[in-house]
Protein backbone atom coordinates (compact mmCIF):
# COMPACT_ATOMS: atom_id res chain seq x y z
CA MET A 1 95.35 96.20 144.64
CA GLY A 2 98.26 98.35 145.70
CA SER A 3 100.12 100.86 143.58
CA THR A 4 102.78 99.24 141.34
CA ARG A 5 105.08 101.02 138.93
CA VAL A 6 104.73 99.57 135.44
CA GLU A 7 108.18 98.80 134.04
CA SER A 8 107.49 95.79 131.79
CA VAL A 9 104.62 95.28 129.34
CA GLY A 10 103.59 92.28 127.29
CA VAL A 11 101.82 93.16 124.04
CA VAL A 12 99.75 90.25 122.76
CA GLY A 13 99.30 90.78 119.03
CA GLY A 14 101.77 91.90 116.40
CA GLY A 15 99.57 93.62 113.83
CA VAL A 16 99.80 97.32 113.11
CA ILE A 17 97.94 98.23 116.32
CA GLY A 18 100.01 95.99 118.59
CA MET A 19 103.34 96.96 117.04
CA SER A 20 102.50 100.68 117.14
CA ILE A 21 101.58 100.45 120.82
CA ALA A 22 104.74 98.48 121.55
CA ALA A 23 106.89 101.10 119.81
CA GLU A 24 105.20 103.90 121.74
CA LEU A 25 105.83 102.13 125.06
CA ALA A 26 109.40 101.16 124.21
CA SER A 27 110.24 104.71 123.13
CA ALA A 28 109.11 105.84 126.59
CA GLY A 29 111.69 103.54 128.19
CA LEU A 30 109.54 100.56 129.19
CA GLU A 31 110.62 96.98 128.73
CA VAL A 32 108.30 95.58 126.05
CA ILE A 33 107.71 92.07 124.76
CA VAL A 34 105.56 91.47 121.66
CA ILE A 35 103.95 88.05 121.34
CA ASP A 36 102.53 86.91 118.00
CA PRO A 37 102.98 83.73 115.94
CA THR A 38 103.41 85.74 112.71
CA PRO A 39 104.20 89.40 113.50
CA GLY A 40 103.13 91.87 110.85
CA ARG A 41 100.88 89.56 108.87
CA GLY A 42 97.10 89.23 109.00
CA ALA A 43 94.87 92.17 108.12
CA THR A 44 97.78 94.63 108.10
CA TRP A 45 99.59 92.65 105.42
CA ALA A 46 96.50 92.40 103.22
CA ALA A 47 95.48 96.07 103.52
CA ALA A 48 95.89 98.80 100.90
CA GLY A 49 97.18 101.52 103.24
CA MET A 50 94.60 104.25 102.61
CA LEU A 51 94.68 107.05 105.18
CA ALA A 52 91.26 108.50 104.43
CA PRO A 53 89.22 109.80 107.39
CA ALA A 54 85.87 109.57 105.63
CA ALA A 55 86.55 106.73 103.19
CA GLU A 56 84.72 103.91 104.91
CA VAL A 57 82.49 105.46 107.56
CA ALA A 58 79.09 103.81 107.25
CA PRO A 59 75.81 105.19 108.64
CA GLY A 60 75.87 104.87 112.43
CA GLU A 61 79.65 105.26 112.60
CA GLU A 62 79.76 109.07 112.26
CA GLN A 63 80.96 109.49 115.85
CA LEU A 64 84.25 107.96 114.72
CA LEU A 65 84.98 110.81 112.30
CA ALA A 66 86.69 113.03 114.88
CA ASP A 67 89.09 110.25 115.87
CA LEU A 68 89.80 109.43 112.24
CA ALA A 69 90.57 113.08 111.47
CA GLU A 70 92.85 113.32 114.53
CA ALA A 71 94.66 110.14 113.52
CA ALA A 72 95.12 111.33 109.94
CA ALA A 73 96.64 114.60 111.19
CA SER A 74 99.13 112.65 113.33
CA TRP A 75 100.36 110.41 110.52
CA PRO A 76 103.17 112.61 109.12
CA ARG A 77 104.83 112.71 112.56
CA PHE A 78 104.20 108.99 113.06
CA ALA A 79 105.90 108.15 109.75
CA ASP A 80 108.85 110.36 110.73
CA ARG A 81 109.13 108.62 114.11
CA ILE A 82 109.22 105.17 112.51
CA LEU A 83 111.97 106.40 110.20
CA ALA A 84 113.90 107.85 113.14
CA TRP A 85 113.50 104.72 115.27
CA GLY A 86 114.43 102.06 112.73
CA GLY A 87 115.61 103.79 109.56
CA CYS A 88 112.71 102.66 107.34
CA ASP A 89 110.70 104.89 105.01
CA VAL A 90 107.12 103.58 105.14
CA GLY A 91 106.03 105.09 101.83
CA TYR A 92 103.82 107.85 103.24
CA ARG A 93 102.24 109.81 100.35
CA ALA A 94 100.30 113.05 100.83
CA THR A 95 98.82 113.16 97.35
CA GLY A 96 95.10 113.19 98.15
CA SER A 97 92.49 110.96 96.55
CA VAL A 98 89.84 111.28 93.85
CA LEU A 99 86.28 110.17 94.50
CA VAL A 100 84.15 109.15 91.50
CA GLY A 101 80.91 107.39 90.62
CA ALA A 102 80.82 105.01 87.65
CA SER A 103 77.20 105.64 86.63
CA ALA A 104 74.76 108.51 87.01
CA SER A 105 73.17 106.86 90.05
CA ASP A 106 76.60 106.13 91.54
CA ALA A 107 77.55 109.78 91.02
CA ARG A 108 74.43 110.85 92.91
CA ASP A 109 75.38 108.51 95.78
CA VAL A 110 78.87 110.01 95.81
CA ALA A 111 77.46 113.54 95.80
CA ARG A 112 75.41 112.72 98.91
CA SER A 113 78.55 111.39 100.61
CA VAL A 114 80.42 114.55 99.65
CA ALA A 115 77.70 116.69 101.22
CA ALA A 116 77.99 114.69 104.46
CA MET A 117 81.78 115.07 104.44
CA ARG A 118 81.57 118.81 103.94
CA ALA A 119 79.10 119.05 106.80
CA THR A 120 81.78 117.63 109.12
CA GLY A 121 84.42 120.07 107.86
CA ILE A 122 86.27 117.77 105.46
CA VAL A 123 87.67 119.67 102.47
CA VAL A 124 86.28 118.36 99.16
CA LYS A 125 86.92 120.06 95.81
CA SER A 126 84.72 119.46 92.78
CA LEU A 127 86.39 118.43 89.51
CA ARG A 128 84.73 118.79 86.12
CA GLY A 129 85.13 116.00 83.61
CA ASP A 130 87.86 117.88 81.69
CA GLU A 131 89.72 118.66 84.93
CA LEU A 132 89.62 114.99 85.90
CA ALA A 133 90.94 114.02 82.46
CA ASP A 134 93.82 116.47 82.85
CA GLN A 135 94.75 115.22 86.33
CA GLU A 136 94.08 111.50 85.86
CA PRO A 137 94.19 110.74 82.11
CA SER A 138 94.27 106.97 82.68
CA LEU A 139 90.71 106.95 84.07
CA ALA A 140 87.57 106.29 82.06
CA SER A 141 85.54 109.25 80.85
CA LEU A 142 83.49 110.37 83.86
CA ARG A 143 81.27 113.43 84.04
CA SER A 144 82.37 114.61 87.46
CA ALA A 145 84.62 113.79 90.35
CA TRP A 146 85.77 115.19 93.67
CA LEU A 147 89.26 115.71 95.02
CA LEU A 148 89.95 115.08 98.72
CA PRO A 149 93.35 116.67 99.41
CA GLY A 150 93.35 115.41 103.03
CA ASP A 151 93.32 111.74 101.99
CA HIS A 152 96.81 110.24 102.09
CA SER A 153 98.27 106.73 101.91
CA VAL A 154 101.08 104.55 103.21
CA ASP A 155 102.62 101.37 101.82
CA ASN A 156 101.26 98.86 104.32
CA ARG A 157 104.00 96.30 103.78
CA ARG A 158 106.77 98.86 104.13
CA LEU A 159 104.96 99.98 107.28
CA VAL A 160 105.13 96.43 108.68
CA ALA A 161 108.84 96.23 107.90
CA GLY A 162 109.41 99.69 109.39
CA LEU A 163 107.64 98.88 112.65
CA LEU A 164 109.54 95.60 113.02
CA GLU A 165 112.86 97.40 112.53
CA ALA A 166 111.77 100.15 114.92
CA LEU A 167 110.91 97.61 117.62
CA LYS A 168 114.28 95.90 117.24
CA ALA A 169 116.10 99.23 117.41
CA LEU A 170 114.13 100.19 120.54
CA GLY A 171 115.18 96.96 122.25
CA THR A 172 111.79 95.24 122.09
CA ARG A 173 111.77 91.47 122.38
CA ILE A 174 109.59 89.76 119.77
CA ILE A 175 108.43 86.22 120.53
CA GLU A 176 106.93 84.30 117.62
CA ASP A 177 104.46 82.22 119.58
CA ARG A 178 100.79 82.19 120.53
CA CYS A 179 99.55 83.41 123.90
CA GLU A 180 97.11 80.76 125.14
CA ARG A 181 96.13 82.21 128.51
CA ILE A 182 96.41 85.32 130.66
CA VAL A 183 96.74 84.87 134.40
CA ALA A 184 96.36 87.93 136.64
CA GLU A 185 98.51 87.41 139.75
CA PRO A 186 99.01 89.71 142.75
CA LYS A 187 102.49 90.75 141.62
CA GLY A 188 101.93 90.93 137.90
CA ILE A 189 100.50 89.35 134.76
CA ARG A 190 101.56 85.91 133.56
CA LEU A 191 101.20 85.15 129.86
CA VAL A 192 101.15 81.44 129.09
CA LEU A 193 102.58 80.70 125.64
CA GLU A 194 101.84 77.70 123.44
CA ARG A 195 105.46 76.53 123.05
CA GLN A 196 107.86 78.82 124.88
CA GLY A 197 106.71 78.76 128.50
CA ASP A 198 105.51 81.76 130.48
CA VAL A 199 106.20 85.48 130.19
CA ARG A 200 105.79 87.65 133.30
CA CYS A 201 105.18 91.39 133.12
CA ASP A 202 103.71 94.23 135.15
CA ALA A 203 100.93 94.93 132.62
CA CYS A 204 99.77 93.71 129.24
CA VAL A 205 98.02 94.99 126.14
CA LEU A 206 95.63 92.84 124.12
CA ALA A 207 95.80 93.79 120.44
CA THR A 208 94.75 90.47 118.98
CA GLY A 209 92.83 91.70 115.95
CA ALA A 210 90.20 89.27 114.71
CA ALA A 211 91.62 86.28 116.62
CA ALA A 212 89.56 84.50 119.26
CA ALA A 213 89.77 85.93 122.79
CA VAL A 214 92.69 84.64 124.83
CA ALA A 215 91.70 82.29 127.66
CA GLY A 216 91.63 83.96 131.05
CA THR A 217 89.97 87.14 129.79
CA GLU A 218 86.41 85.92 130.30
CA SER A 219 85.92 87.85 133.55
CA LEU A 220 87.73 91.02 132.44
CA GLY A 221 84.96 92.60 130.35
CA LEU A 222 86.65 92.14 127.00
CA PRO A 223 84.45 93.38 124.13
CA GLY A 224 83.42 90.83 121.53
CA VAL A 225 85.13 90.92 118.14
CA ARG A 226 84.20 89.04 114.99
CA PRO A 227 86.22 88.53 111.78
CA VAL A 228 85.12 90.18 108.54
CA ARG A 229 87.00 88.91 105.53
CA GLY A 230 88.53 91.37 103.10
CA VAL A 231 90.30 90.56 99.84
CA THR A 232 92.65 92.95 98.04
CA LEU A 233 94.36 92.44 94.71
CA ARG A 234 97.92 93.36 93.83
CA LEU A 235 98.59 94.16 90.20
CA GLY A 236 102.10 94.62 88.83
CA GLY A 237 103.05 97.61 86.74
CA LEU A 238 104.42 96.55 83.36
CA SER A 239 106.76 98.73 81.33
CA GLY A 240 104.87 101.67 79.88
CA ALA A 241 101.54 100.81 81.50
CA PRO A 242 100.09 104.02 83.04
CA ILE A 243 98.33 103.90 86.40
CA PRO A 244 96.53 106.64 88.38
CA SER A 245 98.82 109.08 90.18
CA ARG A 246 96.78 109.07 93.39
CA THR A 247 94.26 106.89 95.19
CA ILE A 248 90.99 106.52 93.29
CA ARG A 249 87.92 105.81 95.41
CA ALA A 250 84.94 104.79 93.34
CA VAL A 251 81.36 103.72 93.74
CA VAL A 252 80.43 101.15 91.09
CA ASP A 253 76.89 99.79 90.99
CA ALA A 254 76.37 101.11 94.54
CA SER A 255 79.44 99.24 95.90
CA PRO A 256 82.74 100.84 96.95
CA CYS A 257 86.00 100.11 95.18
CA TYR A 258 89.43 101.68 95.49
CA LEU A 259 92.71 101.70 93.59
CA VAL A 260 95.89 102.66 95.45
CA PRO A 261 99.07 103.26 93.38
CA ARG A 262 102.52 102.35 94.65
CA GLU A 263 105.80 104.09 93.85
CA ASP A 264 107.04 101.05 91.89
CA GLY A 265 104.20 101.34 89.38
CA SER A 266 102.05 98.60 90.91
CA LEU A 267 98.45 98.97 92.02
CA VAL A 268 96.45 97.69 95.00
CA VAL A 269 92.75 97.13 94.36
CA GLY A 270 90.22 96.56 97.12
CA ALA A 271 88.31 95.38 98.79
CA THR A 272 85.63 92.84 99.48
CA SER A 273 83.76 92.82 102.79
CA GLU A 274 82.41 89.41 103.71
CA GLU A 275 81.00 88.19 107.01
CA GLN A 276 83.27 85.18 106.94
CA GLY A 277 86.19 84.03 109.10
CA ARG A 278 88.00 81.76 106.63
CA GLU A 279 91.10 83.23 105.02
CA ILE A 280 90.33 82.33 101.43
CA ALA A 281 89.82 84.44 98.32
CA LEU A 282 86.69 83.42 96.44
CA ALA A 283 86.76 83.68 92.65
CA GLY A 284 83.50 85.64 92.65
CA GLY A 285 84.92 88.34 94.91
CA VAL A 286 88.07 88.65 92.80
CA HIS A 287 85.96 88.91 89.63
CA ARG A 288 83.78 91.66 91.12
CA LEU A 289 86.82 93.71 92.16
CA LEU A 290 88.42 93.43 88.73
CA ASP A 291 85.17 94.20 86.92
CA ALA A 292 84.44 97.25 89.09
CA SER A 293 87.99 98.54 88.70
CA ARG A 294 87.86 98.16 84.91
CA ARG A 295 84.76 100.37 84.80
CA VAL A 296 86.79 103.20 86.29
CA PHE A 297 90.30 102.39 85.07
CA PRO A 298 90.25 100.49 81.75
CA GLY A 299 94.05 100.19 81.74
CA ILE A 300 93.82 97.55 84.47
CA ASP A 301 93.82 94.94 81.68
CA GLU A 302 97.42 95.87 80.89
CA LEU A 303 98.71 95.05 84.39
CA SER A 304 99.88 91.69 85.67
CA PHE A 305 97.82 89.86 88.28
CA ASP A 306 100.33 89.20 91.06
CA GLU A 307 98.40 88.36 94.21
CA ALA A 308 95.05 88.08 95.95
CA SER A 309 95.58 88.94 99.62
CA VAL A 310 93.16 87.93 102.36
CA GLY A 311 92.82 89.59 105.75
CA LEU A 312 90.32 89.31 108.58
CA ARG A 313 89.19 92.71 109.80
CA PRO A 314 88.33 92.84 113.53
CA ALA A 315 84.81 94.22 113.98
CA THR A 316 82.92 94.95 117.19
CA GLU A 317 79.13 94.79 117.32
CA ASP A 318 78.75 98.52 116.61
CA HIS A 319 81.81 98.68 114.30
CA LEU A 320 83.52 101.14 116.67
CA PRO A 321 86.99 100.43 118.08
CA PHE A 322 87.67 99.85 121.77
CA VAL A 323 90.82 101.14 123.47
CA GLY A 324 90.54 101.00 127.23
CA THR A 325 91.40 99.31 130.49
CA LEU A 326 89.56 96.15 131.50
CA ARG A 327 88.34 95.17 134.96
CA ASP A 328 91.94 94.53 135.98
CA ARG A 329 93.57 97.89 135.25
CA ARG A 330 96.84 96.20 134.43
CA VAL A 331 95.20 94.81 131.28
CA VAL A 332 94.52 97.20 128.40
CA ALA A 333 92.67 96.18 125.23
CA ALA A 334 93.00 97.79 121.81
CA LEU A 335 90.52 95.96 119.60
CA GLY A 336 87.92 96.29 116.86
CA HIS A 337 89.61 98.77 114.51
CA TYR A 338 87.82 97.10 111.60
CA ARG A 339 88.50 98.97 108.32
CA ASN A 340 90.65 101.69 109.88
CA GLY A 341 93.46 99.87 111.71
CA ILE A 342 96.32 101.49 109.81
CA LEU A 343 94.79 104.96 109.92
CA LEU A 344 94.03 104.75 113.65
CA ALA A 345 97.37 103.15 114.64
CA PRO A 346 99.12 106.30 115.94
CA LEU A 347 96.06 107.39 117.94
CA ALA A 348 95.55 103.89 119.36
CA ALA A 349 99.23 103.74 120.29
CA ALA A 350 99.18 107.04 122.17
CA THR A 351 95.91 106.21 123.95
CA ALA A 352 96.87 102.67 124.97
CA ALA A 353 100.34 103.71 126.11
CA GLY A 354 98.82 106.39 128.32
CA LEU A 355 96.46 103.84 129.89
CA VAL A 356 99.35 101.48 130.59
CA ARG A 357 101.34 104.20 132.29
CA ARG A 358 98.33 105.15 134.42
CA ALA A 359 97.95 101.53 135.52
CA SER A 360 100.73 102.22 138.02
CA CYS A 361 98.16 104.25 139.98
CA ALA A 362 95.79 101.29 140.33
């Protein structure tokens, strides 16, 4: 295949990863088209927006910590760029998080996690029970806790709105349709849409989240991705009802739970993790989240129950993300970001955009 300068790129997938990559490419002067039937929805819409490098790294995933730390460090600039591109504040908050265990055994589990974090260089500060009560008086009485000043958060739905406005301001075309097939042709890539015909481009990026692989990719070496259902709860802040001032990450009966406050006084509670691909919220999962949250934050009973949000996290076999070129170098995939899609978005965007630009040397 001869050398071809990449001037136009089709991005298949309009979640946080796809939109971030599209914005990165468009800001570099490329013609970009985003294709997604419902841009900005899916797992991004259902997320809580935690930016916590060590929040959800399970055993076997430790090699991801360096990338998570790099992505977290890049988030302040990323938030500023979205604001500069489209004029939207995405609700980035650098307030840190508090890590607690509900019972004595949960506290021991948390202490082991803290030791592992410190071994990788993550700053963790111990809080006595009285210090926790001073800083977060709305929490239940807990003997000890840990403060992670490097954990930040973003309002995921303001992020979606900000990226959409940024793409429009950068001249990106957004097509609300489904890409049914990818056809690699000698002079470019043809994307066959369900309703709106074909789109031709020099290169394409596959950022399809937990959706089934697009036809035509079978011979390209695309990694397998499966959906893992996650449910989050959105609770409305009522007049005078206190909520935590920062993200609370808890272990309750050996299971993780988190509470993420919003500037409007509401609270996001998450999240279940179910090996299921149906976008439904089961009553049992909702009950477990509320019960676990109440153990840590009794004031949850004073908030309104506004929404149960369902998202399908995209998971690879080893739970590690894939950002790389496929067998046709004009096709780049950014898949499998699982629990860390929002956190990893700026790093995935920079990496994928660099691969697209290097495709001109193919």
